[in-house]
Amino acid sequence: MRNLKRMLIGVFILLLVLVILAFVLENQQSISLMFLGWAGPQLPISLVMVIALLIGMVIGPILGWFVGRSSSAARKRFVR
């Protein structure tokens, strides 16, 4: 049973890597993003998408922590 679980995890990781590789290879066109008059460098679409994903993965938990912290503080104020 343990070996089956390891094999399924390995197959899942392999499929995930193949999907990411296909995405990167299919999206090699260069783009330049504009934001508030600032033009970014020419980067492949896949790199822009991965950077946006990583930034979201950092900002999301930080915002969740702030919201959780403020709501727990509000609950403490109402309990007293």
PDB file of N, CA and C in Angstrom:
ATOM      1  N   MET A   1       0.826  -1.197   0.000  1.00  0.00           N
ATOM      2  CA  MET A   1       0.000   0.000   0.000  1.00  0.00           C
ATOM      3  C   MET A   1       0.868   1.258   0.000  1.00  0.00           C
ATOM      4  N   ARG A   2       1.950   1.204   0.767  1.00  0.00           N
ATOM      5  CA  ARG A   2       2.836   2.353   0.856  1.00  0.00           C
ATOM      6  C   ARG A   2       3.514   2.625  -0.483  1.00  0.00           C
ATOM      7  N   ASN A   3       3.922   1.535  -1.156  1.00  0.00           N
ATOM      8  CA  ASN A   3       4.575   1.694  -2.457  1.00  0.00           C
ATOM      9  C   ASN A   3       3.610   2.228  -3.499  1.00  0.00           C
ATOM     10  N   LEU A   4       2.346   1.832  -3.429  1.00  0.00           N
ATOM     11  CA  LEU A   4       1.339   2.337  -4.364  1.00  0.00           C
ATOM     12  C   LEU A   4       1.149   3.841  -4.174  1.00  0.00           C
ATOM     13  N   LYS A   5       1.099   4.265  -2.905  1.00  0.00           N
ATOM     14  CA  LYS A   5       0.938   5.698  -2.616  1.00  0.00           C
ATOM     15  C   LYS A   5       2.129   6.487  -3.145  1.00  0.00           C
ATOM     16  N   ARG A   6       3.339   5.978  -2.932  1.00  0.00           N
ATOM     17  CA  ARG A   6       4.535   6.651  -3.434  1.00  0.00           C
ATOM     18  C   ARG A   6       4.535   6.707  -4.952  1.00  0.00           C
ATOM     19  N   MET A   7       4.101   5.616  -5.583  1.00  0.00           N
ATOM     20  CA  MET A   7       4.080   5.580  -7.041  1.00  0.00           C
ATOM     21  C   MET A   7       3.052   6.571  -7.591  1.00  0.00           C
ATOM     22  N   LEU A   8       1.877   6.665  -6.953  1.00  0.00           N
ATOM     23  CA  LEU A   8       0.860   7.620  -7.401  1.00  0.00           C
ATOM     24  C   LEU A   8       1.337   9.058  -7.216  1.00  0.00           C
ATOM     25  N   ILE A   9       2.009   9.341  -6.114  1.00  0.00           N
ATOM     26  CA  ILE A   9       2.556  10.680  -5.904  1.00  0.00           C
ATOM     27  C   ILE A   9       3.613  10.986  -6.957  1.00  0.00           C
ATOM     28  N   GLY A  10       4.467  10.012  -7.257  1.00  0.00           N
ATOM     29  CA  GLY A  10       5.490  10.195  -8.284  1.00  0.00           C
ATOM     30  C   GLY A  10       4.883  10.448  -9.659  1.00  0.00           C
ATOM     31  N   VAL A  11       3.834   9.711 -10.008  1.00  0.00           N
ATOM     32  CA  VAL A  11       3.157   9.909 -11.295  1.00  0.00           C
ATOM     33  C   VAL A  11       2.508  11.284 -11.331  1.00  0.00           C
ATOM     34  N   PHE A  12       1.883  11.707 -10.225  1.00  0.00           N
ATOM     35  CA  PHE A  12       1.254  13.025 -10.169  1.00  0.00           C
ATOM     36  C   PHE A  12       2.286  14.133 -10.347  1.00  0.00           C
ATOM     37  N   ILE A  13       3.416  14.008  -9.671  1.00  0.00           N
ATOM     38  CA  ILE A  13       4.470  15.023  -9.794  1.00  0.00           C
ATOM     39  C   ILE A  13       5.019  15.053 -11.215  1.00  0.00           C
ATOM     40  N   LEU A  14       5.209  13.879 -11.810  1.00  0.00           N
ATOM     41  CA  LEU A  14       5.690  13.815 -13.186  1.00  0.00           C
ATOM     42  C   LEU A  14       4.707  14.473 -14.152  1.00  0.00           C
ATOM     43  N   LEU A  15       3.415  14.210 -13.995  1.00  0.00           N
ATOM     44  CA  LEU A  15       2.410  14.848 -14.845  1.00  0.00           C
ATOM     45  C   LEU A  15       2.382  16.359 -14.640  1.00  0.00           C
ATOM     46  N   LEU A  16       2.521  16.800 -13.403  1.00  0.00           N
ATOM     47  CA  LEU A  16       2.543  18.232 -13.115  1.00  0.00           C
ATOM     48  C   LEU A  16       3.737  18.902 -13.784  1.00  0.00           C
ATOM     49  N   VAL A  17       4.900  18.270 -13.713  1.00  0.00           N
ATOM     50  CA  VAL A  17       6.099  18.813 -14.356  1.00  0.00           C
ATOM     51  C   VAL A  17       5.914  18.864 -15.869  1.00  0.00           C
ATOM     52  N   LEU A  18       5.312  17.837 -16.448  1.00  0.00           N
ATOM     53  CA  LEU A  18       5.076  17.825 -17.895  1.00  0.00           C
ATOM     54  C   LEU A  18       4.095  18.915 -18.321  1.00  0.00           C
ATOM     55  N   VAL A  19       3.066  19.147 -17.525  1.00  0.00           N
ATOM     56  CA  VAL A  19       2.111  20.215 -17.847  1.00  0.00           C
ATOM     57  C   VAL A  19       2.780  21.576 -17.760  1.00  0.00           C
ATOM     58  N   ILE A  20       3.590  21.792 -16.737  1.00  0.00           N
ATOM     59  CA  ILE A  20       4.309  23.068 -16.599  1.00  0.00           C
ATOM     60  C   ILE A  20       5.285  23.255 -17.755  1.00  0.00           C
ATOM     61  N   LEU A  21       5.989  22.190 -18.127  1.00  0.00           N
ATOM     62  CA  LEU A  21       6.926  22.270 -19.249  1.00  0.00           C
ATOM     63  C   LEU A  21       6.198  22.597 -20.553  1.00  0.00           C
ATOM     64  N   ALA A  22       5.064  21.965 -20.788  1.00  0.00           N
ATOM     65  CA  ALA A  22       4.282  22.256 -21.999  1.00  0.00           C
ATOM     66  C   ALA A  22       3.807  23.706 -21.994  1.00  0.00           C
ATOM     67  N   PHE A  23       3.369  24.210 -20.828  1.00  0.00           N
ATOM     68  CA  PHE A  23       2.918  25.600 -20.728  1.00  0.00           C
ATOM     69  C   PHE A  23       4.054  26.559 -21.062  1.00  0.00           C
ATOM     70  N   VAL A  24       5.229  26.295 -20.511  1.00  0.00           N
ATOM     71  CA  VAL A  24       6.379  27.176 -20.744  1.00  0.00           C
ATOM     72  C   VAL A  24       6.797  27.138 -22.208  1.00  0.00           C
ATOM     73  N   LEU A  25       6.813  25.964 -22.805  1.00  0.00           N
ATOM     74  CA  LEU A  25       7.244  25.848 -24.201  1.00  0.00           C
ATOM     75  C   LEU A  25       6.231  26.452 -25.177  1.00  0.00           C
ATOM     76  N   GLU A  26       4.951  26.432 -24.811  1.00  0.00           N
ATOM     77  CA  GLU A  26       3.925  26.984 -25.697  1.00  0.00           C
ATOM     78  C   GLU A  26       3.786  28.497 -25.575  1.00  0.00           C
ATOM     79  N   ASN A  27       4.319  29.104 -24.536  1.00  0.00           N
ATOM     80  CA  ASN A  27       4.131  30.537 -24.296  1.00  0.00           C
ATOM     81  C   ASN A  27       5.471  31.265 -24.255  1.00  0.00           C
ATOM     82  N   GLN A  28       6.172  31.273 -25.352  1.00  0.00           N
ATOM     83  CA  GLN A  28       7.481  31.905 -25.426  1.00  0.00           C
ATOM     84  C   GLN A  28       7.444  33.308 -26.044  1.00  0.00           C
ATOM     85  N   GLN A  29       6.265  33.795 -26.423  1.00  0.00           N
ATOM     86  CA  GLN A  29       6.174  35.128 -27.002  1.00  0.00           C
ATOM     87  C   GLN A  29       6.545  36.173 -25.946  1.00  0.00           C
ATOM     88  N   SER A  30       7.297  37.162 -26.346  1.00  0.00           N
ATOM     89  CA  SER A  30       7.710  38.212 -25.411  1.00  0.00           C
ATOM     90  C   SER A  30       6.659  39.300 -25.339  1.00  0.00           C
ATOM     91  N   ILE A  31       6.427  39.784 -24.128  1.00  0.00           N
ATOM     92  CA  ILE A  31       5.497  40.887 -23.908  1.00  0.00           C
ATOM     93  C   ILE A  31       6.151  41.888 -22.973  1.00  0.00           C
ATOM     94  N   SER A  32       5.632  43.089 -22.966  1.00  0.00           N
ATOM     95  CA  SER A  32       6.072  44.118 -22.041  1.00  0.00           C
ATOM     96  C   SER A  32       4.839  44.652 -21.330  1.00  0.00           C
ATOM     97  N   LEU A  33       4.807  44.576 -20.017  1.00  0.00           N
ATOM     98  CA  LEU A  33       3.666  45.050 -19.252  1.00  0.00           C
ATOM     99  C   LEU A  33       3.791  46.542 -18.982  1.00  0.00           C
ATOM    100  N   MET A  34       2.658  47.246 -19.014  1.00  0.00           N
ATOM    101  CA  MET A  34       2.611  48.671 -18.699  1.00  0.00           C
ATOM    102  C   MET A  34       1.769  48.847 -17.440  1.00  0.00           C
ATOM    103  N   PHE A  35       2.281  49.618 -16.470  1.00  0.00           N
ATOM    104  CA  PHE A  35       1.549  49.892 -15.237  1.00  0.00           C
ATOM    105  C   PHE A  35       1.876  51.300 -14.773  1.00  0.00           C
ATOM    106  N   LEU A  36       0.862  52.167 -14.760  1.00  0.00           N
ATOM    107  CA  LEU A  36       0.995  53.560 -14.336  1.00  0.00           C
ATOM    108  C   LEU A  36       2.112  54.281 -15.090  1.00  0.00           C
ATOM    109  N   GLY A  37       2.206  54.037 -16.371  1.00  0.00           N
ATOM    110  CA  GLY A  37       3.200  54.697 -17.192  1.00  0.00           C
ATOM    111  C   GLY A  37       4.552  54.033 -17.204  1.00  0.00           C
ATOM    112  N   TRP A  38       4.752  53.040 -16.344  1.00  0.00           N
ATOM    113  CA  TRP A  38       6.022  52.334 -16.283  1.00  0.00           C
ATOM    114  C   TRP A  38       5.948  51.112 -17.177  1.00  0.00           C
ATOM    115  N   ALA A  39       6.911  50.982 -18.079  1.00  0.00           N
ATOM    116  CA  ALA A  39       6.954  49.836 -18.983  1.00  0.00           C
ATOM    117  C   ALA A  39       8.005  48.860 -18.484  1.00  0.00           C
ATOM    118  N   GLY A  40       7.594  47.625 -18.319  1.00  0.00           N
ATOM    119  CA  GLY A  40       8.514  46.592 -17.856  1.00  0.00           C
ATOM    120  C   GLY A  40       9.359  46.064 -19.007  1.00  0.00           C
ATOM    121  N   PRO A  41      10.335  45.245 -18.699  1.00  0.00           N
ATOM    122  CA  PRO A  41      11.184  44.669 -19.744  1.00  0.00           C
ATOM    123  C   PRO A  41      10.428  43.616 -20.554  1.00  0.00           C
ATOM    124  N   GLN A  42      10.940  43.304 -21.722  1.00  0.00           N
ATOM    125  CA  GLN A  42      10.356  42.257 -22.558  1.00  0.00           C
ATOM    126  C   GLN A  42      10.642  40.904 -21.911  1.00  0.00           C
ATOM    127  N   LEU A  43       9.586  40.194 -21.528  1.00  0.00           N
ATOM    128  CA  LEU A  43       9.712  38.890 -20.907  1.00  0.00           C
ATOM    129  C   LEU A  43       8.751  37.909 -21.578  1.00  0.00           C
ATOM    130  N   PRO A  44       9.078  36.619 -21.585  1.00  0.00           N
ATOM    131  CA  PRO A  44       8.126  35.635 -22.114  1.00  0.00           C
ATOM    132  C   PRO A  44       6.855  35.598 -21.262  1.00  0.00           C
ATOM    133  N   ILE A  45       5.733  35.311 -21.904  1.00  0.00           N
ATOM    134  CA  ILE A  45       4.445  35.263 -21.206  1.00  0.00           C
ATOM    135  C   ILE A  45       4.495  34.266 -20.060  1.00  0.00           C
ATOM    136  N   SER A  46       5.117  33.124 -20.285  1.00  0.00           N
ATOM    137  CA  SER A  46       5.160  32.098 -19.239  1.00  0.00           C
ATOM    138  C   SER A  46       5.895  32.605 -18.003  1.00  0.00           C
ATOM    139  N   LEU A  47       6.950  33.360 -18.180  1.00  0.00           N
ATOM    140  CA  LEU A  47       7.694  33.896 -17.040  1.00  0.00           C
ATOM    141  C   LEU A  47       6.853  34.928 -16.283  1.00  0.00           C
ATOM    142  N   VAL A  48       6.125  35.765 -17.020  1.00  0.00           N
ATOM    143  CA  VAL A  48       5.246  36.753 -16.380  1.00  0.00           C
ATOM    144  C   VAL A  48       4.175  36.040 -15.558  1.00  0.00           C
ATOM    145  N   MET A  49       3.610  34.967 -16.111  1.00  0.00           N
ATOM    146  CA  MET A  49       2.569  34.214 -15.402  1.00  0.00           C
ATOM    147  C   MET A  49       3.134  33.556 -14.140  1.00  0.00           C
ATOM    148  N   VAL A  50       4.319  32.972 -14.223  1.00  0.00           N
ATOM    149  CA  VAL A  50       4.922  32.313 -13.062  1.00  0.00           C
ATOM    150  C   VAL A  50       5.263  33.342 -11.994  1.00  0.00           C
ATOM    151  N   ILE A  51       5.768  34.496 -12.383  1.00  0.00           N
ATOM    152  CA  ILE A  51       6.073  35.558 -11.419  1.00  0.00           C
ATOM    153  C   ILE A  51       4.797  36.033 -10.731  1.00  0.00           C
ATOM    154  N   ALA A  52       3.713  36.208 -11.501  1.00  0.00           N
ATOM    155  CA  ALA A  52       2.433  36.621 -10.916  1.00  0.00           C
ATOM    156  C   ALA A  52       1.915  35.562  -9.946  1.00  0.00           C
ATOM    157  N   LEU A  53       2.068  34.296 -10.290  1.00  0.00           N
ATOM    158  CA  LEU A  53       1.647  33.215  -9.402  1.00  0.00           C
ATOM    159  C   LEU A  53       2.438  33.238  -8.100  1.00  0.00           C
ATOM    160  N   LEU A  54       3.753  33.391  -8.194  1.00  0.00           N
ATOM    161  CA  LEU A  54       4.587  33.412  -6.995  1.00  0.00           C
ATOM    162  C   LEU A  54       4.279  34.615  -6.109  1.00  0.00           C
ATOM    163  N   ILE A  55       4.046  35.775  -6.716  1.00  0.00           N
ATOM    164  CA  ILE A  55       3.686  36.959  -5.937  1.00  0.00           C
ATOM    165  C   ILE A  55       2.351  36.739  -5.231  1.00  0.00           C
ATOM    166  N   GLY A  56       1.394  36.134  -5.920  1.00  0.00           N
ATOM    167  CA  GLY A  56       0.109  35.822  -5.303  1.00  0.00           C
ATOM    168  C   GLY A  56       0.231  34.820  -4.174  1.00  0.00           C
ATOM    169  N   MET A  57       1.143  33.861  -4.318  1.00  0.00           N
ATOM    170  CA  MET A  57       1.351  32.868  -3.270  1.00  0.00           C
ATOM    171  C   MET A  57       1.999  33.484  -2.037  1.00  0.00           C
ATOM    172  N   VAL A  58       2.680  34.607  -2.192  1.00  0.00           N
ATOM    173  CA  VAL A  58       3.274  35.295  -1.045  1.00  0.00           C
ATOM    174  C   VAL A  58       2.262  36.256  -0.432  1.00  0.00           C
ATOM    175  N   ILE A  59       1.573  37.021  -1.258  1.00  0.00           N
ATOM    176  CA  ILE A  59       0.643  38.040  -0.763  1.00  0.00           C
ATOM    177  C   ILE A  59      -0.602  37.411  -0.132  1.00  0.00           C
ATOM    178  N   GLY A  60      -1.115  36.323  -0.694  1.00  0.00           N
ATOM    179  CA  GLY A  60      -2.328  35.687  -0.179  1.00  0.00           C
ATOM    180  C   GLY A  60      -2.232  35.291   1.285  1.00  0.00           C
ATOM    181  N   PRO A  61      -1.224  34.507   1.667  1.00  0.00           N
ATOM    182  CA  PRO A  61      -1.121  34.151   3.090  1.00  0.00           C
ATOM    183  C   PRO A  61      -0.884  35.356   4.004  1.00  0.00           C
ATOM    184  N   ILE A  62      -0.149  36.348   3.531  1.00  0.00           N
ATOM    185  CA  ILE A  62       0.079  37.537   4.355  1.00  0.00           C
ATOM    186  C   ILE A  62      -1.243  38.253   4.613  1.00  0.00           C
ATOM    187  N   LEU A  63      -2.059  38.425   3.578  1.00  0.00           N
ATOM    188  CA  LEU A  63      -3.371  39.052   3.768  1.00  0.00           C
ATOM    189  C   LEU A  63      -4.261  38.207   4.662  1.00  0.00           C
ATOM    190  N   GLY A  64      -4.223  36.891   4.487  1.00  0.00           N
ATOM    191  CA  GLY A  64      -5.005  36.005   5.354  1.00  0.00           C
ATOM    192  C   GLY A  64      -4.584  36.119   6.805  1.00  0.00           C
ATOM    193  N   TRP A  65      -3.287  36.259   7.040  1.00  0.00           N
ATOM    194  CA  TRP A  65      -2.800  36.413   8.395  1.00  0.00           C
ATOM    195  C   TRP A  65      -3.304  37.725   9.005  1.00  0.00           C
ATOM    196  N   PHE A  66      -3.255  38.824   8.216  1.00  0.00           N
ATOM    197  CA  PHE A  66      -3.737  40.107   8.721  1.00  0.00           C
ATOM    198  C   PHE A  66      -5.231  40.068   9.016  1.00  0.00           C
ATOM    199  N   VAL A  67      -6.006  39.479   8.129  1.00  0.00           N
ATOM    200  CA  VAL A  67      -7.457  39.399   8.339  1.00  0.00           C
ATOM    201  C   VAL A  67      -7.763  38.540   9.555  1.00  0.00           C
ATOM    202  N   GLY A  68      -7.080  37.411   9.689  1.00  0.00           N
ATOM    203  CA  GLY A  68      -7.300  36.543  10.841  1.00  0.00           C
ATOM    204  C   GLY A  68      -6.912  37.210  12.137  1.00  0.00           C
ATOM    205  N   ARG A  69      -5.843  37.973  12.076  1.00  0.00           N
ATOM    206  CA  ARG A  69      -5.382  38.671  13.272  1.00  0.00           C
ATOM    207  C   ARG A  69      -6.361  39.764  13.686  1.00  0.00           C
ATOM    208  N   SER A  70      -6.857  40.512  12.721  1.00  0.00           N
ATOM    209  CA  SER A  70      -7.786  41.593  13.053  1.00  0.00           C
ATOM    210  C   SER A  70      -9.135  41.037  13.502  1.00  0.00           C
ATOM    211  N   SER A  71      -9.588  39.937  12.922  1.00  0.00           N
ATOM    212  CA  SER A  71     -10.870  39.380  13.347  1.00  0.00           C
ATOM    213  C   SER A  71     -10.762  38.746  14.733  1.00  0.00           C
ATOM    214  N   SER A  72      -9.615  38.141  15.065  1.00  0.00           N
ATOM    215  CA  SER A  72      -9.462  37.581  16.409  1.00  0.00           C
ATOM    216  C   SER A  72      -9.374  38.705  17.436  1.00  0.00           C
ATOM    217  N   ALA A  73      -8.762  39.823  17.080  1.00  0.00           N
ATOM    218  CA  ALA A  73      -8.713  40.973  17.990  1.00  0.00           C
ATOM    219  C   ALA A  73     -10.108  41.539  18.192  1.00  0.00           C
ATOM    220  N   ALA A  74     -10.914  41.579  17.147  1.00  0.00           N
ATOM    221  CA  ALA A  74     -12.283  42.084  17.272  1.00  0.00           C
ATOM    222  C   ALA A  74     -13.105  41.144  18.148  1.00  0.00           C
ATOM    223  N   ARG A  75     -12.902  39.838  18.013  1.00  0.00           N
ATOM    224  CA  ARG A  75     -13.629  38.880  18.853  1.00  0.00           C
ATOM    225  C   ARG A  75     -13.249  39.057  20.316  1.00  0.00           C
ATOM    226  N   LYS A  76     -11.977  39.310  20.587  1.00  0.00           N
ATOM    227  CA  LYS A  76     -11.552  39.511  21.974  1.00  0.00           C
ATOM    228  C   LYS A  76     -12.196  40.759  22.573  1.00  0.00           C
ATOM    229  N   ARG A  77     -12.344  41.805  21.754  1.00  0.00           N
ATOM    230  CA  ARG A  77     -12.974  43.034  22.253  1.00  0.00           C
ATOM    231  C   ARG A  77     -14.436  42.803  22.602  1.00  0.00           C
ATOM    232  N   PHE A  78     -15.155  41.988  21.787  1.00  0.00           N
ATOM    233  CA  PHE A  78     -16.579  41.738  22.043  1.00  0.00           C
ATOM    234  C   PHE A  78     -16.793  40.790  23.218  1.00  0.00           C
ATOM    235  N   VAL A  79     -15.849  39.937  23.488  1.00  0.00           N
ATOM    236  CA  VAL A  79     -15.991  38.959  24.571  1.00  0.00           C
ATOM    237  C   VAL A  79     -15.842  39.647  25.910  1.00  0.00           C
ATOM    238  N   ARG A  80     -14.985  40.610  26.013  1.00  0.00           N
ATOM    239  CA  ARG A  80     -14.746  41.284  27.301  1.00  0.00           C
ATOM    240  C   ARG A  80     -15.866  42.133  27.698  1.00  0.00           C
TER     241      ARG A  80
END
